[in-house]
Amino acid sequence: MCRWKRLALIGPPDTGLGEFTAGIMGIRRRKKRRKARDYTLEISGSQGGDILFTLGGRVSLDNARHLDEEVNAALFQKQPAALTVDLAGVEYLDSTGGLILVELMTRARQQGVTCRLAQVPAKVQGILELIDADSLTRPSLRPGTLPHGLLDQIGTGFISFGRDLFELLSFLGELLFALGRAFLRPWEVRWSDVLVTMRRGGLEGLPILGLMSLLLGMVIAFMSSLQLKRLGATIFVASLVAVAMIKELGPLLTAILVSGRSGSAFAAEIGTMQVNEEVDALTVMGFESMGFLAVPKVLAAMVVVPVLSIYATFFGILGGVIVGVTLLDLTVYTFINETYSVMNLFDITSSLIKALVFGMIIAAIGCQRGFKVRGGAQEVGVQTTAAVVTSLFLIIVVDAAFAIVLHYIR
């Protein structure tokens, strides 16, 4: 019905069929001629040299297809060494026309051709600034088909591992630069966010960390006593619990707990901001996302994890005291005195340094995975899981490296 209503508006009802049809065809031909004259494209320059495209008129969705074909044909035939697009005569440009210009520049650069825009009007420049050229070459958010063969899967895994390692190292470089600037300009750090993160990651985790450390100390003391009783050396249960908690289990248990609580929270928080385009909004407002979001979290984790490590070590030794007093007939004084005899400043200092590095790793990985989110809620879950897995893996690797290095240093 809409089609016949439009035809009725073109010709009156008493017009003959032949005249009516001729009128319609004439209007269509005039529309085509008008669309063809909407823009002008003049090409000057020698083949293989510097080429000048002079574009004028209206560059819009109506003539986008013809203009794109004409530009691509000229670019293919001329094979220029340098390309200049003069936009002084452009009267109107919409987003489709701007996309054609951006694609032209991208295609020319991919072919090794130097391309630039000249005499760009202010309105045209405003449209071009709205187009993100990087998104044209960015891979799709839709997951591709998984490789079927075993070798294909192994190769894809190695490529993905290399890409993740490169992105992680790049992020760590930017983070270290931001941390250096924060130490040089402490007044620019959002200390209120640092305190809030310390409360969430440290104070709220004290009950569960204390319970886990207490039970772990009790288990270590009980299981070791079963073997030391045969040698009549139950007194050394105190030494074993103290050395295990101070050197390894205190920092390691704290790092695992903080990674599960705070590292995942960092990734989910920043990832959700990425999905809601809040990170882009911060950039538009002039804030640096690294210093605004990542630095407070990293500083909070570097303070909280060593403190929690001392807390976990204390409760682990307390668990050993409970087992020693109740099951091994040891006095509190004997247990504490034996514990004190094996403690030294080097072990305590190295444990705190290890916990400091663990805190930096947890916060950095959580923030990096959060900034990596692209897409929707599913991608937030994927990157949050990846943050916990990656941080736990790096914690074990770094802990092994510390064990080897500290052994030879001491």
Protein backbone atom coordinates (compact mmCIF):
# COMPACT_ATOMS: atom_id res chain seq x y z
CA MET A 1 0.00 0.00 0.00
CA CYS A 2 2.88 2.40 0.79
CA ARG A 3 4.41 1.80 -2.63
CA TRP A 4 1.17 2.68 -4.49
CA LYS A 5 0.65 5.70 -2.27
CA ARG A 6 4.08 7.01 -3.27
CA LEU A 7 3.24 6.41 -6.95
CA ALA A 8 -0.02 8.28 -6.54
CA LEU A 9 1.91 11.29 -5.31
CA ILE A 10 4.12 11.30 -8.41
CA GLY A 11 1.37 11.42 -11.07
CA PRO A 12 -2.28 12.43 -10.98
CA PRO A 13 -4.97 9.75 -11.38
CA ASP A 14 -6.14 11.08 -14.75
CA THR A 15 -2.71 10.80 -16.36
CA GLY A 16 -2.31 8.15 -19.05
CA LEU A 17 -0.42 4.97 -18.17
CA GLY A 18 2.32 5.62 -20.71
CA GLU A 19 2.82 9.22 -19.63
CA PHE A 20 2.70 8.15 -15.97
CA THR A 21 5.39 5.47 -16.48
CA ALA A 22 7.54 7.85 -18.50
CA GLY A 23 7.26 10.40 -15.73
CA ILE A 24 8.40 7.89 -13.14
CA MET A 25 11.38 6.75 -15.25
CA GLY A 26 12.33 10.36 -15.90
CA ILE A 27 12.33 11.14 -12.17
CA ARG A 28 14.47 8.06 -11.48
CA ARG A 29 16.95 9.07 -14.20
CA ARG A 30 17.13 12.58 -12.78
CA LYS A 31 17.75 11.13 -9.29
CA LYS A 32 20.57 8.97 -10.62
CA ARG A 33 22.10 11.93 -12.45
CA ARG A 34 21.81 14.07 -9.33
CA LYS A 35 23.46 11.37 -7.21
CA ALA A 36 26.26 11.03 -9.74
CA ARG A 37 26.89 14.79 -9.53
CA ASP A 38 26.83 14.84 -5.72
CA TYR A 39 30.62 14.64 -5.52
CA THR A 40 33.59 15.42 -7.74
CA LEU A 41 36.87 13.54 -7.83
CA GLU A 42 39.82 14.86 -9.80
CA ILE A 43 42.99 12.80 -10.05
CA SER A 44 46.29 14.38 -11.02
CA GLY A 45 49.86 13.18 -11.02
CA SER A 46 52.01 10.66 -12.83
CA GLN A 47 51.76 6.94 -12.33
CA GLY A 48 54.13 5.66 -9.68
CA GLY A 49 54.78 9.18 -8.35
CA ASP A 50 52.94 11.68 -6.21
CA ILE A 51 49.17 11.54 -6.79
CA LEU A 52 46.65 14.19 -5.79
CA PHE A 53 42.99 13.34 -5.19
CA THR A 54 40.85 16.48 -5.18
CA LEU A 55 37.50 15.66 -3.63
CA GLY A 56 34.53 18.01 -3.55
CA GLY A 57 30.77 18.16 -3.15
CA ARG A 58 28.76 15.85 -0.94
CA VAL A 59 30.39 12.65 0.30
CA SER A 60 27.63 10.63 1.92
CA LEU A 61 25.88 7.28 2.09
CA ASP A 62 24.06 7.92 -1.21
CA ASN A 63 27.24 7.87 -3.29
CA ALA A 64 29.51 5.88 -1.00
CA ARG A 65 29.60 2.78 -3.18
CA HIS A 66 30.48 4.63 -6.39
CA LEU A 67 33.11 6.77 -4.66
CA ASP A 68 34.72 3.76 -3.00
CA GLU A 69 34.91 1.88 -6.31
CA GLU A 70 36.34 4.91 -8.11
CA VAL A 71 38.94 5.58 -5.41
CA ASN A 72 40.05 1.95 -5.24
CA ALA A 73 40.34 1.73 -9.03
CA ALA A 74 42.43 4.89 -9.15
CA LEU A 75 44.66 3.68 -6.32
CA PHE A 76 45.18 0.35 -8.10
CA GLN A 77 45.92 1.90 -11.51
CA LYS A 78 48.19 4.75 -10.41
CA GLN A 79 50.26 2.79 -7.86
CA PRO A 80 51.40 6.05 -6.22
CA ALA A 81 54.49 6.53 -4.10
CA ALA A 82 52.70 9.23 -2.11
CA LEU A 83 49.04 10.17 -1.98
CA THR A 84 47.49 13.49 -0.98
CA VAL A 85 43.72 13.88 -0.60
CA ASP A 86 42.57 17.51 -0.90
CA LEU A 87 39.26 18.02 0.95
CA ALA A 88 38.94 21.79 0.54
CA GLY A 89 35.92 21.42 -1.77
CA VAL A 90 33.95 19.00 0.41
CA GLU A 91 30.65 20.61 1.33
CA TYR A 92 29.12 17.74 3.30
CA LEU A 93 30.54 14.60 4.88
CA ASP A 94 28.68 11.99 6.92
CA SER A 95 30.05 9.04 8.87
CA THR A 96 29.99 6.76 5.82
CA GLY A 97 32.05 9.23 3.80
CA GLY A 98 34.47 9.59 6.69
CA LEU A 99 34.80 5.82 6.88
CA ILE A 100 35.70 5.72 3.17
CA LEU A 101 38.50 8.26 3.75
CA VAL A 102 39.82 6.38 6.78
CA GLU A 103 39.77 3.08 4.88
CA LEU A 104 41.56 4.74 1.96
CA MET A 105 44.35 5.94 4.23
CA THR A 106 44.58 2.56 5.96
CA ARG A 107 44.71 0.69 2.63
CA ALA A 108 47.35 3.05 1.26
CA ARG A 109 49.57 2.64 4.32
CA GLN A 110 49.26 -1.13 4.12
CA GLN A 111 50.62 -0.90 0.56
CA GLY A 112 53.54 1.25 1.71
CA VAL A 113 52.12 4.48 0.30
CA THR A 114 52.49 7.70 2.27
CA CYS A 115 49.00 9.17 2.59
CA ARG A 116 47.83 12.45 4.08
CA LEU A 117 44.77 14.69 4.10
CA ALA A 118 45.14 18.33 3.04
CA GLN A 119 42.97 21.41 3.58
CA VAL A 120 40.49 19.61 5.81
CA PRO A 121 37.49 21.79 6.77
CA ALA A 122 36.61 22.01 10.45
CA LYS A 123 33.31 20.12 10.07
CA VAL A 124 34.99 17.35 8.10
CA GLN A 125 37.74 17.08 10.72
CA GLY A 126 35.10 16.70 13.43
CA ILE A 127 33.52 13.76 11.61
CA LEU A 128 36.90 12.09 11.02
CA GLU A 129 37.83 12.35 14.70
CA LEU A 130 34.75 10.31 15.60
CA ILE A 131 36.06 7.28 13.66
CA ASP A 132 38.44 4.89 15.42
CA ALA A 133 40.88 3.74 12.76
CA ASP A 134 42.29 0.98 14.99
CA SER A 135 38.89 -0.71 15.20
CA LEU A 136 39.04 -1.44 11.45
CA THR A 137 41.95 -3.85 11.93
CA ARG A 138 41.01 -5.06 15.42
CA PRO A 139 39.99 -8.75 15.50
CA SER A 140 36.35 -9.58 16.01
CA LEU A 141 35.00 -10.19 19.50
CA ARG A 142 33.30 -13.34 18.29
CA PRO A 143 35.47 -16.36 19.06
CA GLY A 144 36.84 -18.07 15.99
CA THR A 145 36.62 -21.76 15.25
CA LEU A 146 38.90 -23.86 17.40
CA PRO A 147 41.63 -25.88 15.63
CA HIS A 148 40.75 -29.54 15.31
CA GLY A 149 44.17 -31.20 15.08
CA LEU A 150 46.52 -31.72 18.02
CA LEU A 151 49.39 -29.86 16.35
CA ASP A 152 47.08 -26.98 15.48
CA GLN A 153 45.98 -26.72 19.10
CA ILE A 154 49.58 -26.81 20.34
CA GLY A 155 50.60 -24.12 17.87
CA THR A 156 47.62 -21.94 18.77
CA GLY A 157 48.44 -22.37 22.45
CA PHE A 158 52.06 -21.26 21.95
CA ILE A 159 50.95 -18.24 19.92
CA SER A 160 48.40 -17.29 22.57
CA PHE A 161 51.01 -17.72 25.32
CA GLY A 162 53.49 -15.51 23.47
CA ARG A 163 50.84 -12.85 22.87
CA ASP A 164 49.78 -12.88 26.54
CA LEU A 165 53.41 -12.66 27.67
CA PHE A 166 54.05 -9.69 25.40
CA GLU A 167 50.91 -7.90 26.61
CA LEU A 168 51.82 -8.61 30.23
CA LEU A 169 55.36 -7.27 29.86
CA SER A 170 54.05 -4.18 28.08
CA PHE A 171 51.56 -3.58 30.88
CA LEU A 172 54.22 -4.08 33.56
CA GLY A 173 56.43 -1.51 31.82
CA GLU A 174 53.62 1.05 31.82
CA LEU A 175 52.78 0.19 35.43
CA LEU A 176 56.38 0.64 36.62
CA PHE A 177 56.51 4.00 34.86
CA ALA A 178 53.25 5.04 36.56
CA LEU A 179 54.53 3.84 39.96
CA GLY A 180 57.75 5.81 39.50
CA ARG A 181 55.77 8.91 38.72
CA ALA A 182 53.57 8.26 41.78
CA PHE A 183 56.63 8.11 44.05
CA LEU A 184 57.98 11.34 42.54
CA ARG A 185 54.57 13.05 42.76
CA PRO A 186 52.77 11.50 45.73
CA TRP A 187 50.20 14.31 45.82
CA GLU A 188 48.75 13.01 42.53
CA VAL A 189 47.96 9.57 43.99
CA ARG A 190 44.36 8.94 45.03
CA TRP A 191 45.18 7.98 48.62
CA SER A 192 41.53 7.67 49.54
CA ASP A 193 41.19 4.81 47.05
CA VAL A 194 44.38 3.26 48.42
CA LEU A 195 42.89 3.21 51.93
CA VAL A 196 39.57 1.80 50.69
CA THR A 197 41.39 -0.97 48.81
CA MET A 198 43.50 -1.75 51.87
CA ARG A 199 40.38 -2.09 53.97
CA ARG A 200 38.67 -4.38 51.44
CA GLY A 201 41.70 -6.51 50.69
CA GLY A 202 43.27 -6.53 54.16
CA LEU A 203 40.95 -5.80 57.06
CA GLU A 204 38.00 -7.75 55.67
CA GLY A 205 40.21 -10.77 55.00
CA LEU A 206 41.60 -11.08 58.53
CA PRO A 207 39.04 -13.61 59.88
CA ILE A 208 39.37 -16.15 57.06
CA LEU A 209 43.15 -15.78 56.87
CA GLY A 210 43.55 -16.18 60.62
CA LEU A 211 41.38 -19.33 60.66
CA MET A 212 43.22 -20.88 57.71
CA SER A 213 46.64 -20.14 59.20
CA LEU A 214 45.64 -21.46 62.62
CA LEU A 215 44.37 -24.73 61.17
CA LEU A 216 47.39 -25.07 58.90
CA GLY A 217 49.77 -24.60 61.84
CA MET A 218 47.88 -27.21 63.82
CA VAL A 219 47.99 -29.69 60.93
CA ILE A 220 51.73 -29.19 60.39
CA ALA A 221 52.46 -29.62 64.10
CA PHE A 222 50.31 -32.73 64.41
CA MET A 223 51.59 -34.47 61.27
CA SER A 224 55.24 -33.72 62.02
CA SER A 225 54.88 -34.93 65.61
CA LEU A 226 53.84 -38.37 64.38
CA GLN A 227 57.27 -38.78 62.79
CA LEU A 228 59.38 -36.95 65.39
CA LYS A 229 57.92 -39.01 68.25
CA ARG A 230 59.77 -42.05 66.94
CA LEU A 231 63.05 -40.21 67.44
CA GLY A 232 62.04 -38.65 70.75
CA ALA A 233 62.43 -35.20 69.20
CA THR A 234 58.97 -33.70 69.62
CA ILE A 235 60.62 -30.48 70.80
CA PHE A 236 61.63 -29.81 67.21
CA VAL A 237 57.98 -29.53 66.19
CA ALA A 238 58.19 -25.88 67.26
CA SER A 239 61.21 -25.29 65.02
CA LEU A 240 59.55 -26.97 62.06
CA VAL A 241 56.33 -24.96 62.37
CA ALA A 242 58.21 -21.68 62.79
CA VAL A 243 60.54 -22.22 59.83
CA ALA A 244 57.71 -23.41 57.57
CA MET A 245 55.42 -20.50 58.40
CA ILE A 246 58.08 -17.76 58.29
CA LYS A 247 59.92 -18.82 55.14
CA GLU A 248 57.19 -20.29 52.95
CA LEU A 249 53.67 -20.88 54.15
CA GLY A 250 52.96 -17.46 55.66
CA PRO A 251 53.62 -15.40 52.49
CA LEU A 252 52.37 -18.15 50.19
CA LEU A 253 49.06 -18.72 51.99
CA THR A 254 48.48 -14.97 52.17
CA ALA A 255 49.19 -14.53 48.47
CA ILE A 256 46.81 -17.34 47.51
CA LEU A 257 44.02 -15.88 49.62
CA VAL A 258 44.56 -12.30 48.40
CA SER A 259 44.69 -13.52 44.81
CA GLY A 260 41.33 -15.22 45.16
CA ARG A 261 39.71 -12.29 46.97
CA SER A 262 41.35 -9.10 45.75
CA GLY A 263 42.98 -10.09 42.44
CA SER A 264 39.70 -11.35 41.04
CA ALA A 265 37.91 -8.27 42.39
CA PHE A 266 40.38 -5.96 40.61
CA ALA A 267 39.88 -7.76 37.30
CA ALA A 268 36.09 -7.79 37.62
CA GLU A 269 35.92 -4.12 38.65
CA ILE A 270 38.08 -2.77 35.82
CA GLY A 271 36.56 -5.24 33.35
CA THR A 272 33.06 -4.02 34.14
CA MET A 273 34.25 -0.45 33.66
CA GLN A 274 35.62 -1.45 30.28
CA VAL A 275 32.30 -2.96 29.24
CA ASN A 276 30.42 0.15 30.38
CA GLU A 277 32.99 2.36 28.58
CA GLU A 278 33.83 4.11 31.85
CA VAL A 279 37.56 3.74 31.19
CA ASP A 280 37.11 5.52 27.86
CA ALA A 281 35.12 8.21 29.65
CA LEU A 282 38.02 8.74 32.08
CA THR A 283 40.41 9.10 29.15
CA VAL A 284 38.11 11.63 27.48
CA MET A 285 37.97 13.63 30.72
CA GLY A 286 41.78 13.80 30.80
CA PHE A 287 42.52 11.14 33.43
CA GLU A 288 45.19 8.52 32.83
CA SER A 289 43.58 5.14 33.39
CA MET A 290 46.80 3.53 34.61
CA GLY A 291 47.41 6.10 37.34
CA PHE A 292 43.74 6.54 38.16
CA LEU A 293 42.77 2.86 38.48
CA ALA A 294 45.82 0.59 38.67
CA VAL A 295 48.31 2.52 40.83
CA PRO A 296 46.08 2.78 43.96
CA LYS A 297 45.33 -0.95 43.81
CA VAL A 298 48.99 -1.91 43.39
CA LEU A 299 50.13 0.35 46.24
CA ALA A 300 47.42 -1.04 48.52
CA ALA A 301 48.37 -4.64 47.72
CA MET A 302 52.08 -3.95 48.28
CA VAL A 303 51.28 -2.69 51.79
CA VAL A 304 48.57 -5.18 52.72
CA VAL A 305 50.16 -8.48 51.68
CA PRO A 306 53.32 -8.16 53.88
CA VAL A 307 51.17 -7.16 56.88
CA LEU A 308 48.82 -10.07 56.27
CA SER A 309 51.83 -12.35 55.91
CA ILE A 310 52.99 -11.45 59.44
CA TYR A 311 49.45 -11.98 60.68
CA ALA A 312 49.25 -15.42 59.01
CA THR A 313 52.65 -16.43 60.39
CA PHE A 314 51.60 -15.51 63.92
CA PHE A 315 48.41 -17.56 63.76
CA GLY A 316 50.25 -20.49 62.18
CA ILE A 317 52.70 -20.56 65.08
CA LEU A 318 49.77 -20.20 67.48
CA GLY A 319 48.22 -23.31 65.97
CA GLY A 320 51.47 -25.16 66.57
CA VAL A 321 51.47 -23.98 70.19
CA ILE A 322 47.96 -25.34 70.71
CA VAL A 323 48.94 -28.78 69.40
CA GLY A 324 52.22 -28.78 71.30
CA VAL A 325 50.63 -27.90 74.62
CA THR A 326 47.56 -30.16 74.33
CA LEU A 327 48.98 -33.24 72.59
CA LEU A 328 52.78 -33.19 72.95
CA ASP A 329 53.13 -32.22 76.64
CA LEU A 330 55.15 -29.13 75.79
CA THR A 331 54.86 -25.96 77.81
CA VAL A 332 54.13 -22.62 76.21
CA TYR A 333 57.51 -21.29 77.33
CA THR A 334 59.36 -24.23 75.81
CA PHE A 335 57.55 -23.95 72.51
CA ILE A 336 58.07 -20.18 72.23
CA ASN A 337 61.72 -20.42 73.27
CA GLU A 338 62.42 -23.06 70.63
CA THR A 339 60.60 -20.97 68.04
CA TYR A 340 62.64 -17.91 68.97
CA SER A 341 65.89 -19.86 68.64
CA VAL A 342 65.32 -20.60 64.93
CA MET A 343 64.08 -17.13 63.98
CA ASN A 344 66.55 -14.65 62.49
CA LEU A 345 66.38 -11.25 60.85
CA PHE A 346 67.37 -12.53 57.40
CA ASP A 347 64.46 -14.97 57.19
CA ILE A 348 61.95 -12.40 58.38
CA THR A 349 63.22 -9.72 55.97
CA SER A 350 63.29 -12.08 52.99
CA SER A 351 59.76 -13.23 53.85
CA LEU A 352 58.48 -9.64 53.86
CA ILE A 353 60.22 -8.86 50.55
CA LYS A 354 58.69 -11.98 49.05
CA ALA A 355 55.23 -10.94 50.27
CA LEU A 356 55.78 -7.46 48.80
CA VAL A 357 56.55 -8.93 45.38
CA PHE A 358 53.54 -11.26 45.65
CA GLY A 359 51.28 -8.30 46.35
CA MET A 360 52.57 -6.40 43.32
CA ILE A 361 52.09 -9.46 41.09
CA ILE A 362 48.51 -10.04 42.28
CA ALA A 363 47.42 -6.45 41.77
CA ALA A 364 49.23 -6.05 38.45
CA ILE A 365 47.77 -9.23 36.96
CA GLY A 366 44.28 -8.36 38.18
CA CYS A 367 44.43 -4.88 36.65
CA GLN A 368 45.99 -6.12 33.41
CA ARG A 369 43.29 -8.72 32.89
CA GLY A 370 40.63 -6.15 33.69
CA PHE A 371 41.96 -3.72 31.07
CA LYS A 372 42.04 -6.60 28.59
CA VAL A 373 38.26 -7.13 28.71
CA ARG A 374 36.53 -6.59 25.37
CA GLY A 375 32.89 -7.49 24.87
CA GLY A 376 30.24 -8.27 27.45
CA ALA A 377 29.67 -9.95 30.79
CA GLN A 378 31.01 -13.30 29.59
CA GLU A 379 34.39 -11.77 28.82
CA VAL A 380 34.50 -10.26 32.33
CA GLY A 381 34.11 -13.76 33.79
CA VAL A 382 36.77 -15.18 31.48
CA GLN A 383 39.34 -12.53 32.35
CA THR A 384 38.55 -12.73 36.06
CA THR A 385 39.25 -16.45 36.02
CA ALA A 386 42.40 -15.86 33.98
CA ALA A 387 43.57 -13.26 36.52
CA VAL A 388 43.39 -15.75 39.40
CA VAL A 389 45.00 -18.59 37.44
CA THR A 390 47.80 -16.42 36.07
CA SER A 391 48.59 -14.81 39.42
CA LEU A 392 48.71 -18.20 41.18
CA PHE A 393 51.03 -19.57 38.51
CA LEU A 394 53.37 -16.58 38.75
CA ILE A 395 53.31 -16.72 42.56
CA ILE A 396 54.53 -20.35 42.50
CA VAL A 397 57.21 -19.52 39.92
CA VAL A 398 58.44 -16.47 41.83
CA ASP A 399 58.40 -18.40 45.11
CA ALA A 400 60.59 -21.10 43.59
CA ALA A 401 62.97 -18.44 42.25
CA PHE A 402 63.15 -16.82 45.71
CA ALA A 403 63.92 -20.19 47.33
CA ILE A 404 66.86 -20.79 44.99
CA VAL A 405 68.26 -17.26 45.15
CA LEU A 406 67.93 -16.93 48.92
CA HIS A 407 69.65 -20.29 49.41
CA TYR A 408 72.77 -19.12 47.55
CA ILE A 409 72.70 -15.60 49.02
CA ARG A 410 72.65 -16.89 52.56
